[in-house]
N, C-alpha and C. Protein backbone atom coordinates (compact mmCIF):
# COMPACT_ATOMS: atom_id res chain seq x y z
N MET A 1 -13.22 118.88 83.30
CA MET A 1 -13.10 119.16 81.89
C MET A 1 -11.85 119.99 81.69
N ASP A 2 -11.01 119.57 80.76
CA ASP A 2 -9.79 120.31 80.44
C ASP A 2 -10.06 121.19 79.22
N PHE A 3 -10.11 122.49 79.42
CA PHE A 3 -10.37 123.44 78.34
C PHE A 3 -9.11 123.82 77.57
N GLY A 4 -7.97 123.28 77.97
CA GLY A 4 -6.73 123.58 77.28
C GLY A 4 -6.32 125.04 77.45
N LYS A 5 -5.91 125.66 76.34
CA LYS A 5 -5.38 127.02 76.38
C LYS A 5 -6.46 128.10 76.31
N GLY A 6 -7.72 127.72 76.20
CA GLY A 6 -8.78 128.72 76.21
C GLY A 6 -9.18 129.23 74.84
N ASP A 7 -9.09 128.39 73.82
CA ASP A 7 -9.46 128.83 72.47
C ASP A 7 -10.82 128.29 72.01
N LEU A 8 -11.64 127.82 72.94
CA LEU A 8 -12.96 127.30 72.60
C LEU A 8 -13.98 128.43 72.54
N LYS A 9 -14.95 128.31 71.62
CA LYS A 9 -15.88 129.41 71.41
C LYS A 9 -17.35 129.02 71.53
N ALA A 10 -17.65 127.71 71.53
CA ALA A 10 -19.05 127.27 71.55
C ALA A 10 -19.21 125.97 72.31
N VAL A 11 -20.45 125.71 72.74
CA VAL A 11 -20.80 124.46 73.41
C VAL A 11 -21.89 123.78 72.59
N ASN A 12 -21.83 122.46 72.53
CA ASN A 12 -22.84 121.63 71.89
C ASN A 12 -23.41 120.69 72.94
N VAL A 13 -24.72 120.51 72.92
CA VAL A 13 -25.39 119.67 73.91
C VAL A 13 -26.37 118.76 73.17
N GLN A 14 -26.28 117.47 73.42
CA GLN A 14 -27.26 116.50 72.91
C GLN A 14 -28.28 116.31 74.02
N ALA A 15 -29.53 116.70 73.77
CA ALA A 15 -30.54 116.68 74.83
C ALA A 15 -31.92 116.43 74.27
N LEU A 16 -32.85 116.12 75.18
CA LEU A 16 -34.26 116.05 74.83
C LEU A 16 -35.06 116.60 75.99
N SER A 17 -36.25 117.10 75.64
CA SER A 17 -37.10 117.68 76.67
C SER A 17 -38.56 117.62 76.22
N SER A 18 -39.41 117.12 77.08
CA SER A 18 -40.84 117.07 76.77
C SER A 18 -41.48 118.45 76.92
N THR A 19 -40.80 119.37 77.59
CA THR A 19 -41.34 120.70 77.84
C THR A 19 -40.57 121.80 77.12
N GLY A 20 -39.33 121.51 76.67
CA GLY A 20 -38.44 122.56 76.19
C GLY A 20 -37.88 123.29 77.41
N GLY A 21 -36.82 124.00 77.22
CA GLY A 21 -36.24 124.73 78.34
C GLY A 21 -34.85 125.24 78.03
N THR A 22 -34.27 125.92 78.97
CA THR A 22 -32.92 126.46 78.84
C THR A 22 -32.05 125.87 79.94
N ILE A 23 -30.85 125.45 79.55
CA ILE A 23 -29.87 125.03 80.55
C ILE A 23 -28.78 126.09 80.62
N GLU A 24 -28.23 126.25 81.81
CA GLU A 24 -27.11 127.17 81.99
C GLU A 24 -25.88 126.35 82.37
N ILE A 25 -24.78 126.63 81.71
CA ILE A 25 -23.53 125.94 82.00
C ILE A 25 -22.61 126.91 82.73
N ARG A 26 -22.10 126.44 83.87
CA ARG A 26 -21.21 127.25 84.71
C ARG A 26 -19.96 126.44 85.01
N LEU A 27 -18.96 127.09 85.55
CA LEU A 27 -17.72 126.42 85.92
C LEU A 27 -17.55 126.38 87.43
N ASP A 28 -17.24 125.20 87.95
CA ASP A 28 -16.77 124.97 89.31
C ASP A 28 -17.81 125.08 90.44
N LYS A 29 -18.83 125.96 90.31
CA LYS A 29 -19.84 126.06 91.37
C LYS A 29 -21.16 126.58 90.79
N ALA A 30 -22.24 126.24 91.44
CA ALA A 30 -23.59 126.53 90.93
C ALA A 30 -23.90 128.02 90.84
N ASP A 31 -23.21 128.85 91.63
CA ASP A 31 -23.49 130.29 91.57
C ASP A 31 -22.40 131.07 90.82
N ALA A 32 -21.58 130.36 90.06
CA ALA A 32 -20.56 131.01 89.23
C ALA A 32 -21.23 131.72 88.05
N PRO A 33 -20.53 132.64 87.41
CA PRO A 33 -21.10 133.29 86.22
C PRO A 33 -21.48 132.25 85.16
N VAL A 34 -22.49 132.57 84.38
CA VAL A 34 -22.96 131.66 83.33
C VAL A 34 -21.97 131.67 82.17
N LEU A 35 -21.46 130.49 81.82
CA LEU A 35 -20.56 130.34 80.69
C LEU A 35 -21.34 130.30 79.38
N ALA A 36 -22.51 129.64 79.40
CA ALA A 36 -23.36 129.56 78.21
C ALA A 36 -24.79 129.24 78.62
N LYS A 37 -25.74 129.77 77.86
CA LYS A 37 -27.15 129.41 77.99
C LYS A 37 -27.53 128.69 76.71
N VAL A 38 -28.05 127.47 76.86
CA VAL A 38 -28.39 126.65 75.70
C VAL A 38 -29.89 126.38 75.72
N ASP A 39 -30.57 126.78 74.64
CA ASP A 39 -32.00 126.54 74.52
C ASP A 39 -32.23 125.13 73.98
N ILE A 40 -33.01 124.35 74.71
CA ILE A 40 -33.34 122.98 74.33
C ILE A 40 -34.79 122.98 73.84
N GLY A 41 -34.98 122.56 72.60
CA GLY A 41 -36.32 122.55 72.02
C GLY A 41 -37.20 121.44 72.59
N LYS A 42 -38.49 121.64 72.49
CA LYS A 42 -39.47 120.65 72.95
C LYS A 42 -39.54 119.52 71.94
N GLY A 43 -39.53 118.27 72.42
CA GLY A 43 -39.65 117.13 71.53
C GLY A 43 -39.32 115.83 72.21
N ALA A 44 -39.63 114.72 71.52
CA ALA A 44 -39.42 113.39 72.07
C ALA A 44 -38.13 112.74 71.57
N ASP A 45 -37.40 113.43 70.68
CA ASP A 45 -36.17 112.88 70.10
C ASP A 45 -34.95 113.64 70.60
N TRP A 46 -33.82 112.93 70.67
CA TRP A 46 -32.55 113.57 71.03
C TRP A 46 -32.17 114.53 69.91
N LYS A 47 -31.79 115.74 70.27
CA LYS A 47 -31.37 116.74 69.29
C LYS A 47 -30.15 117.48 69.82
N ALA A 48 -29.31 117.91 68.88
CA ALA A 48 -28.14 118.71 69.26
C ALA A 48 -28.53 120.18 69.28
N ALA A 49 -28.11 120.88 70.31
CA ALA A 49 -28.31 122.32 70.42
C ALA A 49 -26.96 122.94 70.71
N ASN A 50 -26.78 124.20 70.33
CA ASN A 50 -25.48 124.83 70.60
C ASN A 50 -25.66 126.28 70.99
N ALA A 51 -24.61 126.84 71.54
CA ALA A 51 -24.60 128.24 71.96
C ALA A 51 -23.15 128.73 72.01
N LYS A 52 -22.99 130.03 71.85
CA LYS A 52 -21.67 130.64 72.00
C LYS A 52 -21.33 130.74 73.48
N LEU A 53 -20.03 130.65 73.77
CA LEU A 53 -19.55 130.81 75.14
C LEU A 53 -19.42 132.30 75.47
N ALA A 54 -19.79 132.67 76.69
CA ALA A 54 -19.66 134.06 77.14
C ALA A 54 -18.19 134.47 77.26
N SER A 55 -17.34 133.49 77.56
CA SER A 55 -15.89 133.72 77.65
C SER A 55 -15.20 132.41 77.30
N ALA A 56 -13.91 132.48 77.05
CA ALA A 56 -13.14 131.29 76.68
C ALA A 56 -12.33 130.82 77.89
N PRO A 57 -12.84 129.82 78.62
CA PRO A 57 -12.10 129.34 79.79
C PRO A 57 -10.84 128.59 79.40
N ALA A 58 -9.88 128.56 80.29
CA ALA A 58 -8.65 127.79 80.08
C ALA A 58 -8.42 126.92 81.30
N GLY A 59 -7.69 125.83 81.11
CA GLY A 59 -7.36 124.96 82.23
C GLY A 59 -8.46 123.97 82.56
N VAL A 60 -8.35 123.36 83.74
CA VAL A 60 -9.26 122.29 84.17
C VAL A 60 -10.33 122.86 85.11
N HIS A 61 -11.60 122.54 84.82
CA HIS A 61 -12.72 123.02 85.62
C HIS A 61 -13.78 121.94 85.72
N ASP A 62 -14.59 122.01 86.77
CA ASP A 62 -15.79 121.19 86.88
C ASP A 62 -16.90 121.88 86.11
N LEU A 63 -17.73 121.10 85.38
CA LEU A 63 -18.89 121.66 84.70
C LEU A 63 -20.10 121.54 85.60
N ILE A 64 -20.86 122.60 85.70
CA ILE A 64 -22.09 122.61 86.46
C ILE A 64 -23.21 123.00 85.49
N VAL A 65 -24.23 122.16 85.40
CA VAL A 65 -25.38 122.45 84.54
C VAL A 65 -26.58 122.72 85.44
N THR A 66 -27.21 123.87 85.25
CA THR A 66 -28.38 124.23 86.04
C THR A 66 -29.59 124.43 85.13
N LEU A 67 -30.76 124.24 85.71
CA LEU A 67 -32.03 124.43 85.01
C LEU A 67 -32.80 125.55 85.70
N PRO A 68 -32.61 126.80 85.32
CA PRO A 68 -33.25 127.91 86.02
C PRO A 68 -34.77 127.89 85.92
N GLU A 69 -35.31 127.30 84.87
CA GLU A 69 -36.76 127.27 84.68
C GLU A 69 -37.40 126.04 85.32
N LYS A 70 -36.61 125.16 85.86
CA LYS A 70 -37.10 123.92 86.51
C LYS A 70 -37.87 123.02 85.53
N ASN A 71 -37.58 123.13 84.24
CA ASN A 71 -38.20 122.25 83.24
C ASN A 71 -37.50 120.90 83.22
N SER A 72 -38.12 119.95 82.56
CA SER A 72 -37.55 118.62 82.44
C SER A 72 -36.66 118.56 81.20
N VAL A 73 -35.35 118.42 81.42
CA VAL A 73 -34.39 118.32 80.32
C VAL A 73 -33.45 117.15 80.62
N GLU A 74 -33.31 116.24 79.66
CA GLU A 74 -32.36 115.14 79.78
C GLU A 74 -31.17 115.44 78.88
N ILE A 75 -29.96 115.26 79.41
CA ILE A 75 -28.74 115.54 78.65
C ILE A 75 -27.99 114.24 78.41
N ASP A 76 -27.62 114.01 77.16
CA ASP A 76 -26.84 112.83 76.79
C ASP A 76 -25.36 113.16 76.85
N TRP A 77 -24.95 114.27 76.21
CA TRP A 77 -23.55 114.67 76.24
C TRP A 77 -23.40 116.18 76.04
N VAL A 78 -22.23 116.67 76.42
CA VAL A 78 -21.84 118.07 76.25
C VAL A 78 -20.45 118.08 75.64
N SER A 79 -20.24 118.91 74.61
CA SER A 79 -18.90 119.04 74.02
C SER A 79 -18.63 120.51 73.72
N PHE A 80 -17.37 120.84 73.56
CA PHE A 80 -16.97 122.22 73.30
C PHE A 80 -16.13 122.27 72.04
N GLU A 81 -16.24 123.40 71.32
CA GLU A 81 -15.42 123.60 70.10
C GLU A 81 -14.99 125.04 69.97
């Protein structure tokens, strides 16, 4: 993911979950600091959820999505603004 000059402030996630849950987005490795925590509501339909970024990354990074609660969450897409 190319974050450009680092002027992004939020993440949007299209997801669904039969249990609800929280996803954590990190950069480059699974034990990196959390860039954002996104709460995914319980439901059978795809819904957009968003969260503020903890910091504004710049440059190119790998996105790592973790499920600390081990709930069932399906992700369709992730975008930043």
